[in-house]
PDB file of all heavy atoms in Angstrom:
ATOM      1  N   VAL A   1     -28.910   4.258   9.653  1.00  0.00           N
ATOM      2  CA  VAL A   1     -30.208   4.842   9.884  1.00  0.00           C
ATOM      3  C   VAL A   1     -30.111   6.315  10.205  1.00  0.00           C
ATOM      4  O   VAL A   1     -29.325   6.717  11.084  1.00  0.00           O
ATOM      5  CB  VAL A   1     -30.981   4.126  11.013  1.00  0.00           C
ATOM      6  CG1 VAL A   1     -32.371   4.778  11.157  1.00  0.00           C
ATOM      7  CG2 VAL A   1     -31.074   2.569  10.777  1.00  0.00           C
ATOM      8  N   ALA A   2     -30.744   7.103   9.398  1.00  0.00           N
ATOM      9  CA  ALA A   2     -30.836   8.566   9.658  1.00  0.00           C
ATOM     10  C   ALA A   2     -32.356   8.945   9.885  1.00  0.00           C
ATOM     11  O   ALA A   2     -33.228   8.413   9.245  1.00  0.00           O
ATOM     12  CB  ALA A   2     -30.342   9.358   8.414  1.00  0.00           C
ATOM     13  N   ALA A   3     -32.527   9.866  10.838  1.00  0.00           N
ATOM     14  CA  ALA A   3     -33.916  10.250  11.159  1.00  0.00           C
ATOM     15  C   ALA A   3     -33.994  11.722  11.424  1.00  0.00           C
ATOM     16  O   ALA A   3     -33.045  12.377  11.826  1.00  0.00           O
ATOM     17  CB  ALA A   3     -34.408   9.491  12.443  1.00  0.00           C
ATOM     18  N   LEU A   4     -35.153  12.211  11.217  1.00  0.00           N
ATOM     19  CA  LEU A   4     -35.478  13.627  11.513  1.00  0.00           C
ATOM     20  C   LEU A   4     -36.613  13.571  12.570  1.00  0.00           C
ATOM     21  O   LEU A   4     -37.316  12.673  12.688  1.00  0.00           O
ATOM     22  CB  LEU A   4     -36.055  14.319  10.272  1.00  0.00           C
ATOM     23  CG  LEU A   4     -35.087  14.601   9.124  1.00  0.00           C
ATOM     24  CD1 LEU A   4     -35.822  14.978   7.904  1.00  0.00           C
ATOM     25  CD2 LEU A   4     -34.173  15.759   9.483  1.00  0.00           C
ATOM     26  N   SER A   5     -36.657  14.629  13.429  1.00  0.00           N
ATOM     27  CA  SER A   5     -37.754  14.743  14.356  1.00  0.00           C
ATOM     28  C   SER A   5     -39.044  14.973  13.576  1.00  0.00           C
ATOM     29  O   SER A   5     -39.049  15.533  12.566  1.00  0.00           O
ATOM     30  CB  SER A   5     -37.481  15.800  15.414  1.00  0.00           C
ATOM     31  OG  SER A   5     -37.715  17.122  14.750  1.00  0.00           O
ATOM     32  N   PRO A   6     -40.183  14.621  14.254  1.00  0.00           N
ATOM     33  CA  PRO A   6     -41.525  14.844  13.533  1.00  0.00           C
ATOM     34  C   PRO A   6     -41.691  16.329  13.228  1.00  0.00           C
ATOM     35  O   PRO A   6     -42.266  16.679  12.219  1.00  0.00           O
ATOM     36  CB  PRO A   6     -42.512  14.355  14.645  1.00  0.00           C
ATOM     37  CG  PRO A   6     -41.799  13.265  15.321  1.00  0.00           C
ATOM     38  CD  PRO A   6     -40.343  13.767  15.410  1.00  0.00           C
ATOM     39  N   ASP A   7     -41.187  17.279  14.101  1.00  0.00           N
ATOM     40  CA  ASP A   7     -41.397  18.602  13.919  1.00  0.00           C
ATOM     41  C   ASP A   7     -40.626  19.034  12.692  1.00  0.00           C
ATOM     42  O   ASP A   7     -41.112  19.951  11.900  1.00  0.00           O
ATOM     43  CB  ASP A   7     -40.846  19.491  15.020  1.00  0.00           C
ATOM     44  CG  ASP A   7     -41.763  19.386  16.332  1.00  0.00           C
ATOM     45  OD1 ASP A   7     -42.907  18.893  16.153  1.00  0.00           O
ATOM     46  OD2 ASP A   7     -41.257  19.665  17.396  1.00  0.00           O
ATOM     47  N   GLN A   8     -39.458  18.467  12.438  1.00  0.00           N
ATOM     48  CA  GLN A   8     -38.637  18.816  11.204  1.00  0.00           C
ATOM     49  C   GLN A   8     -39.196  18.287  10.025  1.00  0.00           C
ATOM     50  O   GLN A   8     -39.040  18.811   8.844  1.00  0.00           O
ATOM     51  CB  GLN A   8     -37.194  18.305  11.418  1.00  0.00           C
ATOM     52  CG  GLN A   8     -36.534  19.010  12.452  1.00  0.00           C
ATOM     53  CD  GLN A   8     -35.152  18.323  12.913  1.00  0.00           C
ATOM     54  OE1 GLN A   8     -35.162  17.106  12.873  1.00  0.00           O
ATOM     55  NE2 GLN A   8     -34.165  19.003  13.266  1.00  0.00           N
ATOM     56  N   MET A   9     -40.069  17.262  10.105  1.00  0.00           N
ATOM     57  CA  MET A   9     -40.633  16.677   8.876  1.00  0.00           C
ATOM     58  C   MET A   9     -41.899  17.303   8.463  1.00  0.00           C
ATOM     59  O   MET A   9     -42.308  17.340   7.262  1.00  0.00           O
ATOM     60  CB  MET A   9     -40.928  15.186   9.103  1.00  0.00           C
ATOM     61  CG  MET A   9     -39.689  14.377   9.153  1.00  0.00           C
ATOM     62  SD  MET A   9     -40.029  12.593   9.384  1.00  0.00           S
ATOM     63  CE  MET A   9     -40.162  12.483  11.157  1.00  0.00           C
ATOM     64  N   THR A  10     -42.592  18.037   9.435  1.00  0.00           N
ATOM     65  CA  THR A  10     -43.944  18.635   9.100  1.00  0.00           C
ATOM     66  C   THR A  10     -43.935  20.112   9.176  1.00  0.00           C
ATOM     67  O   THR A  10     -44.840  20.699   8.605  1.00  0.00           O
ATOM     68  CB  THR A  10     -44.959  18.057  10.103  1.00  0.00           C
ATOM     69  OG1 THR A  10     -44.560  18.482  11.448  1.00  0.00           O
ATOM     70  CG2 THR A  10     -45.128  16.572  10.047  1.00  0.00           C
ATOM     71  N   GLY A  11     -42.919  20.655   9.623  1.00  0.00           N
ATOM     72  CA  GLY A  11     -42.838  22.107   9.672  1.00  0.00           C
ATOM     73  C   GLY A  11     -41.844  22.651   8.655  1.00  0.00           C
ATOM     74  O   GLY A  11     -41.392  21.960   7.727  1.00  0.00           O
ATOM     75  N   PRO A  12     -41.576  23.989   8.684  1.00  0.00           N
ATOM     76  CA  PRO A  12     -40.586  24.561   7.757  1.00  0.00           C
ATOM     77  C   PRO A  12     -39.254  23.822   7.834  1.00  0.00           C
ATOM     78  O   PRO A  12     -38.735  23.718   8.945  1.00  0.00           O
ATOM     79  CB  PRO A  12     -40.497  26.003   8.176  1.00  0.00           C
ATOM     80  CG  PRO A  12     -41.649  26.223   9.079  1.00  0.00           C
ATOM     81  CD  PRO A  12     -42.116  24.950   9.628  1.00  0.00           C
ATOM     82  N   VAL A  13     -38.764  23.329   6.796  1.00  0.00           N
ATOM     83  CA  VAL A  13     -37.537  22.539   6.747  1.00  0.00           C
ATOM     84  C   VAL A  13     -36.377  23.508   6.543  1.00  0.00           C
ATOM     85  O   VAL A  13     -36.347  24.323   5.522  1.00  0.00           O
ATOM     86  CB  VAL A  13     -37.544  21.515   5.615  1.00  0.00           C
ATOM     87  CG1 VAL A  13     -36.222  20.711   5.617  1.00  0.00           C
ATOM     88  CG2 VAL A  13     -38.661  20.504   5.896  1.00  0.00           C
ATOM     89  N   PRO A  14     -35.324  23.482   7.430  1.00  0.00           N
ATOM     90  CA  PRO A  14     -34.074  24.312   7.159  1.00  0.00           C
ATOM     91  C   PRO A  14     -33.321  23.621   5.990  1.00  0.00           C
ATOM     92  O   PRO A  14     -32.457  22.779   6.220  1.00  0.00           O
ATOM     93  CB  PRO A  14     -33.361  24.249   8.525  1.00  0.00           C
ATOM     94  CG  PRO A  14     -33.881  23.042   9.134  1.00  0.00           C
ATOM     95  CD  PRO A  14     -35.232  22.777   8.608  1.00  0.00           C
ATOM     96  N   VAL A  15     -33.718  23.899   4.745  1.00  0.00           N
ATOM     97  CA  VAL A  15     -33.294  23.162   3.598  1.00  0.00           C
ATOM     98  C   VAL A  15     -31.789  23.151   3.446  1.00  0.00           C
ATOM     99  O   VAL A  15     -31.183  22.103   3.197  1.00  0.00           O
ATOM    100  CB  VAL A  15     -33.906  23.763   2.347  1.00  0.00           C
ATOM    101  CG1 VAL A  15     -33.356  23.091   1.022  1.00  0.00           C
ATOM    102  CG2 VAL A  15     -35.427  23.588   2.287  1.00  0.00           C
ATOM    103  N   GLN A  16     -31.092  24.292   3.642  1.00  0.00           N
ATOM    104  CA  GLN A  16     -29.636  24.238   3.486  1.00  0.00           C
ATOM    105  C   GLN A  16     -28.910  23.434   4.509  1.00  0.00           C
ATOM    106  O   GLN A  16     -28.032  22.607   4.177  1.00  0.00           O
ATOM    107  CB  GLN A  16     -29.125  25.730   3.606  1.00  0.00           C
ATOM    108  CG  GLN A  16     -27.637  25.775   3.277  1.00  0.00           C
ATOM    109  CD  GLN A  16     -27.255  25.361   1.872  1.00  0.00           C
ATOM    110  OE1 GLN A  16     -28.016  25.597   0.944  1.00  0.00           O
ATOM    111  NE2 GLN A  16     -26.137  24.713   1.779  1.00  0.00           N
ATOM    112  N   THR A  17     -29.363  23.396   5.716  1.00  0.00           N
ATOM    113  CA  THR A  17     -28.853  22.543   6.718  1.00  0.00           C
ATOM    114  C   THR A  17     -29.086  21.090   6.496  1.00  0.00           C
ATOM    115  O   THR A  17     -28.223  20.297   6.650  1.00  0.00           O
ATOM    116  CB  THR A  17     -29.464  22.940   8.117  1.00  0.00           C
ATOM    117  OG1 THR A  17     -29.316  24.286   8.445  1.00  0.00           O
ATOM    118  CG2 THR A  17     -28.816  22.123   9.267  1.00  0.00           C
ATOM    119  N   LEU A  18     -30.335  20.788   6.070  1.00  0.00           N
ATOM    120  CA  LEU A  18     -30.595  19.386   5.721  1.00  0.00           C
ATOM    121  C   LEU A  18     -29.758  18.932   4.541  1.00  0.00           C
ATOM    122  O   LEU A  18     -29.223  17.824   4.585  1.00  0.00           O
ATOM    123  CB  LEU A  18     -32.088  19.287   5.387  1.00  0.00           C
ATOM    124  CG  LEU A  18     -32.568  17.874   4.990  1.00  0.00           C
ATOM    125  CD1 LEU A  18     -32.371  16.943   6.162  1.00  0.00           C
ATOM    126  CD2 LEU A  18     -34.046  17.885   4.532  1.00  0.00           C
ATOM    127  N   ARG A  19     -29.631  19.808   3.572  1.00  0.00           N
ATOM    128  CA  ARG A  19     -28.754  19.461   2.362  1.00  0.00           C
ATOM    129  C   ARG A  19     -27.327  19.181   2.821  1.00  0.00           C
ATOM    130  O   ARG A  19     -26.761  18.224   2.382  1.00  0.00           O
ATOM    131  CB  ARG A  19     -28.823  20.619   1.362  1.00  0.00           C
ATOM    132  CG  ARG A  19     -28.073  20.241   0.069  1.00  0.00           C
ATOM    133  CD  ARG A  19     -28.289  21.385  -0.903  1.00  0.00           C
ATOM    134  NE  ARG A  19     -29.655  21.578  -1.241  1.00  0.00           N
ATOM    135  CZ  ARG A  19     -30.228  22.701  -1.719  1.00  0.00           C
ATOM    136  NH1 ARG A  19     -29.510  23.772  -1.841  1.00  0.00           N
ATOM    137  NH2 ARG A  19     -31.470  22.690  -2.024  1.00  0.00           N
ATOM    138  N   GLU A  20     -26.863  19.969   3.760  1.00  0.00           N
ATOM    139  CA  GLU A  20     -25.401  19.776   4.205  1.00  0.00           C
ATOM    140  C   GLU A  20     -25.370  18.461   4.962  1.00  0.00           C
ATOM    141  O   GLU A  20     -24.368  17.756   4.854  1.00  0.00           O
ATOM    142  CB  GLU A  20     -25.039  20.974   5.072  1.00  0.00           C
ATOM    143  CG  GLU A  20     -24.784  22.211   4.284  1.00  0.00           C
ATOM    144  CD  GLU A  20     -24.636  23.474   5.171  1.00  0.00           C
ATOM    145  OE1 GLU A  20     -24.651  23.327   6.329  1.00  0.00           O
ATOM    146  OE2 GLU A  20     -24.549  24.619   4.512  1.00  0.00           O
ATOM    147  N   ASP A  21     -26.308  18.222   5.818  1.00  0.00           N
ATOM    148  CA  ASP A  21     -26.340  16.938   6.574  1.00  0.00           C
ATOM    149  C   ASP A  21     -26.392  15.759   5.668  1.00  0.00           C
ATOM    150  O   ASP A  21     -25.678  14.743   5.865  1.00  0.00           O
ATOM    151  CB  ASP A  21     -27.455  16.837   7.618  1.00  0.00           C
ATOM    152  CG  ASP A  21     -27.163  17.590   8.885  1.00  0.00           C
ATOM    153  OD1 ASP A  21     -26.040  18.149   9.034  1.00  0.00           O
ATOM    154  OD2 ASP A  21     -27.976  17.531   9.847  1.00  0.00           O
ATOM    155  N   PHE A  22     -27.262  15.826   4.666  1.00  0.00           N
ATOM    156  CA  PHE A  22     -27.368  14.724   3.723  1.00  0.00           C
ATOM    157  C   PHE A  22     -26.113  14.473   2.953  1.00  0.00           C
ATOM    158  O   PHE A  22     -25.640  13.434   2.633  1.00  0.00           O
ATOM    159  CB  PHE A  22     -28.544  14.927   2.681  1.00  0.00           C
ATOM    160  CG  PHE A  22     -29.966  14.513   3.253  1.00  0.00           C
ATOM    161  CD1 PHE A  22     -31.027  15.105   2.722  1.00  0.00           C
ATOM    162  CD2 PHE A  22     -30.035  13.570   4.229  1.00  0.00           C
ATOM    163  CE1 PHE A  22     -32.296  14.654   3.104  1.00  0.00           C
ATOM    164  CE2 PHE A  22     -31.365  13.101   4.613  1.00  0.00           C
ATOM    165  CZ  PHE A  22     -32.420  13.736   4.121  1.00  0.00           C
ATOM    166  N   GLN A  23     -25.446  15.604   2.532  1.00  0.00           N
ATOM    167  CA  GLN A  23     -24.129  15.515   1.866  1.00  0.00           C
ATOM    168  C   GLN A  23     -23.089  14.896   2.665  1.00  0.00           C
ATOM    169  O   GLN A  23     -22.441  13.952   2.211  1.00  0.00           O
ATOM    170  CB  GLN A  23     -23.655  16.869   1.467  1.00  0.00           C
ATOM    171  CG  GLN A  23     -22.354  16.863   0.667  1.00  0.00           C
ATOM    172  CD  GLN A  23     -22.461  16.119  -0.660  1.00  0.00           C
ATOM    173  OE1 GLN A  23     -23.250  16.352  -1.443  1.00  0.00           O
ATOM    174  NE2 GLN A  23     -21.488  15.224  -0.842  1.00  0.00           N
ATOM    175  N   LYS A  24     -22.980  15.207   3.926  1.00  0.00           N
ATOM    176  CA  LYS A  24     -22.069  14.600   4.883  1.00  0.00           C
ATOM    177  C   LYS A  24     -22.307  13.096   4.988  1.00  0.00           C
ATOM    178  O   LYS A  24     -21.386  12.352   4.933  1.00  0.00           O
ATOM    179  CB  LYS A  24     -22.088  15.237   6.323  1.00  0.00           C
ATOM    180  CG  LYS A  24     -21.520  16.577   6.404  1.00  0.00           C
ATOM    181  CD  LYS A  24     -21.741  17.055   7.878  1.00  0.00           C
ATOM    182  CE  LYS A  24     -21.407  18.508   7.963  1.00  0.00           C
ATOM    183  NZ  LYS A  24     -21.571  18.948   9.353  1.00  0.00           N
ATOM    184  N   LEU A  25     -23.572  12.773   5.215  1.00  0.00           N
ATOM    185  CA  LEU A  25     -23.953  11.285   5.303  1.00  0.00           C
ATOM    186  C   LEU A  25     -23.657  10.633   4.013  1.00  0.00           C
ATOM    187  O   LEU A  25     -23.105   9.506   4.053  1.00  0.00           O
ATOM    188  CB  LEU A  25     -25.371  11.222   5.728  1.00  0.00           C
ATOM    189  CG  LEU A  25     -25.851   9.809   5.905  1.00  0.00           C
ATOM    190  CD1 LEU A  25     -24.974   9.049   6.917  1.00  0.00           C
ATOM    191  CD2 LEU A  25     -27.283   9.765   6.477  1.00  0.00           C
ATOM    192  N   ALA A  26     -23.916  11.129   2.936  1.00  0.00           N
ATOM    193  CA  ALA A  26     -23.679  10.510   1.660  1.00  0.00           C
ATOM    194  C   ALA A  26     -22.189  10.325   1.430  1.00  0.00           C
ATOM    195  O   ALA A  26     -21.822   9.237   0.895  1.00  0.00           O
ATOM    196  CB  ALA A  26     -24.283  11.285   0.461  1.00  0.00           C
ATOM    197  N   ASP A  27     -21.390  11.263   1.840  1.00  0.00           N
ATOM    198  CA  ASP A  27     -19.939  11.127   1.720  1.00  0.00           C
ATOM    199  C   ASP A  27     -19.386  10.094   2.696  1.00  0.00           C
ATOM    200  O   ASP A  27     -18.396   9.363   2.407  1.00  0.00           O
ATOM    201  CB  ASP A  27     -19.239  12.485   1.937  1.00  0.00           C
ATOM    202  CG  ASP A  27     -19.461  13.498   0.877  1.00  0.00           C
ATOM    203  OD1 ASP A  27     -19.944  13.032  -0.245  1.00  0.00           O
ATOM    204  OD2 ASP A  27     -19.267  14.677   1.053  1.00  0.00           O
ATOM    205  N   GLU A  28     -19.998   9.970   3.882  1.00  0.00           N
ATOM    206  CA  GLU A  28     -19.435   9.091   4.974  1.00  0.00           C
ATOM    207  C   GLU A  28     -19.971   7.686   4.938  1.00  0.00           C
ATOM    208  O   GLU A  28     -19.290   6.828   5.347  1.00  0.00           O
ATOM    209  CB  GLU A  28     -19.712   9.771   6.271  1.00  0.00           C
ATOM    210  CG  GLU A  28     -19.113   8.944   7.406  1.00  0.00           C
ATOM    211  CD  GLU A  28     -19.449   9.565   8.752  1.00  0.00           C
ATOM    212  OE1 GLU A  28     -20.623   9.707   9.118  1.00  0.00           O
ATOM    213  OE2 GLU A  28     -18.475   9.933   9.523  1.00  0.00           O
ATOM    214  N   ALA A  29     -21.171   7.480   4.466  1.00  0.00           N
ATOM    215  CA  ALA A  29     -21.822   6.104   4.547  1.00  0.00           C
ATOM    216  C   ALA A  29     -21.029   5.059   3.875  1.00  0.00           C
ATOM    217  O   ALA A  29     -20.506   5.295   2.723  1.00  0.00           O
ATOM    218  CB  ALA A  29     -23.282   6.237   4.028  1.00  0.00           C
ATOM    219  N   THR A  30     -20.968   3.946   4.414  1.00  0.00           N
ATOM    220  CA  THR A  30     -20.357   2.783   3.802  1.00  0.00           C
ATOM    221  C   THR A  30     -21.361   1.642   3.645  1.00  0.00           C
ATOM    222  O   THR A  30     -20.982   0.575   3.136  1.00  0.00           O
ATOM    223  CB  THR A  30     -19.092   2.334   4.620  1.00  0.00           C
ATOM    224  OG1 THR A  30     -19.559   2.000   5.971  1.00  0.00           O
ATOM    225  CG2 THR A  30     -18.043   3.389   4.693  1.00  0.00           C
ATOM    226  N   THR A  31     -22.509   1.743   4.167  1.00  0.00           N
ATOM    227  CA  THR A  31     -23.577   0.778   4.126  1.00  0.00           C
ATOM    228  C   THR A  31     -24.841   1.458   3.517  1.00  0.00           C
ATOM    229  O   THR A  31     -24.981   2.684   3.449  1.00  0.00           O
ATOM    230  CB  THR A  31     -23.968   0.237   5.437  1.00  0.00           C
ATOM    231  OG1 THR A  31     -24.420   1.345   6.345  1.00  0.00           O
ATOM    232  CG2 THR A  31     -22.759  -0.431   6.157  1.00  0.00           C
ATOM    233  N   PRO A  32     -25.759   0.662   3.046  1.00  0.00           N
ATOM    234  CA  PRO A  32     -27.109   1.212   2.607  1.00  0.00           C
ATOM    235  C   PRO A  32     -27.665   2.098   3.675  1.00  0.00           C
ATOM    236  O   PRO A  32     -27.499   1.869   4.924  1.00  0.00           O
ATOM    237  CB  PRO A  32     -27.953   0.005   2.282  1.00  0.00           C
ATOM    238  CG  PRO A  32     -27.003  -1.076   2.050  1.00  0.00           C
ATOM    239  CD  PRO A  32     -25.796  -0.831   2.994  1.00  0.00           C
ATOM    240  N   VAL A  33     -28.453   3.156   3.295  1.00  0.00           N
ATOM    241  CA  VAL A  33     -29.009   4.111   4.280  1.00  0.00           C
ATOM    242  C   VAL A  33     -30.497   3.944   4.345  1.00  0.00           C
ATOM    243  O   VAL A  33     -31.169   3.893   3.308  1.00  0.00           O
ATOM    244  CB  VAL A  33     -28.548   5.420   3.854  1.00  0.00           C
ATOM    245  CG1 VAL A  33     -29.213   6.564   4.776  1.00  0.00           C
ATOM    246  CG2 VAL A  33     -27.064   5.657   3.813  1.00  0.00           C
ATOM    247  N   VAL A  34     -31.073   3.939   5.580  1.00  0.00           N
ATOM    248  CA  VAL A  34     -32.447   4.063   5.870  1.00  0.00           C
ATOM    249  C   VAL A  34     -32.772   5.410   6.277  1.00  0.00           C
ATOM    250  O   VAL A  34     -32.152   5.957   7.218  1.00  0.00           O
ATOM    251  CB  VAL A  34     -32.806   3.037   6.920  1.00  0.00           C
ATOM    252  CG1 VAL A  34     -34.317   3.273   7.317  1.00  0.00           C
ATOM    253  CG2 VAL A  34     -32.556   1.575   6.529  1.00  0.00           C
TER     254      VAL A  34
END
């Protein structure tokens, strides 16, 4: 399970940071992701 804070979902998104976090998670995950 991955989550963002409500502020991060509704305000300006730090796109590069989010992209890097998603990449790390995609590389590391071994189960389906929520």
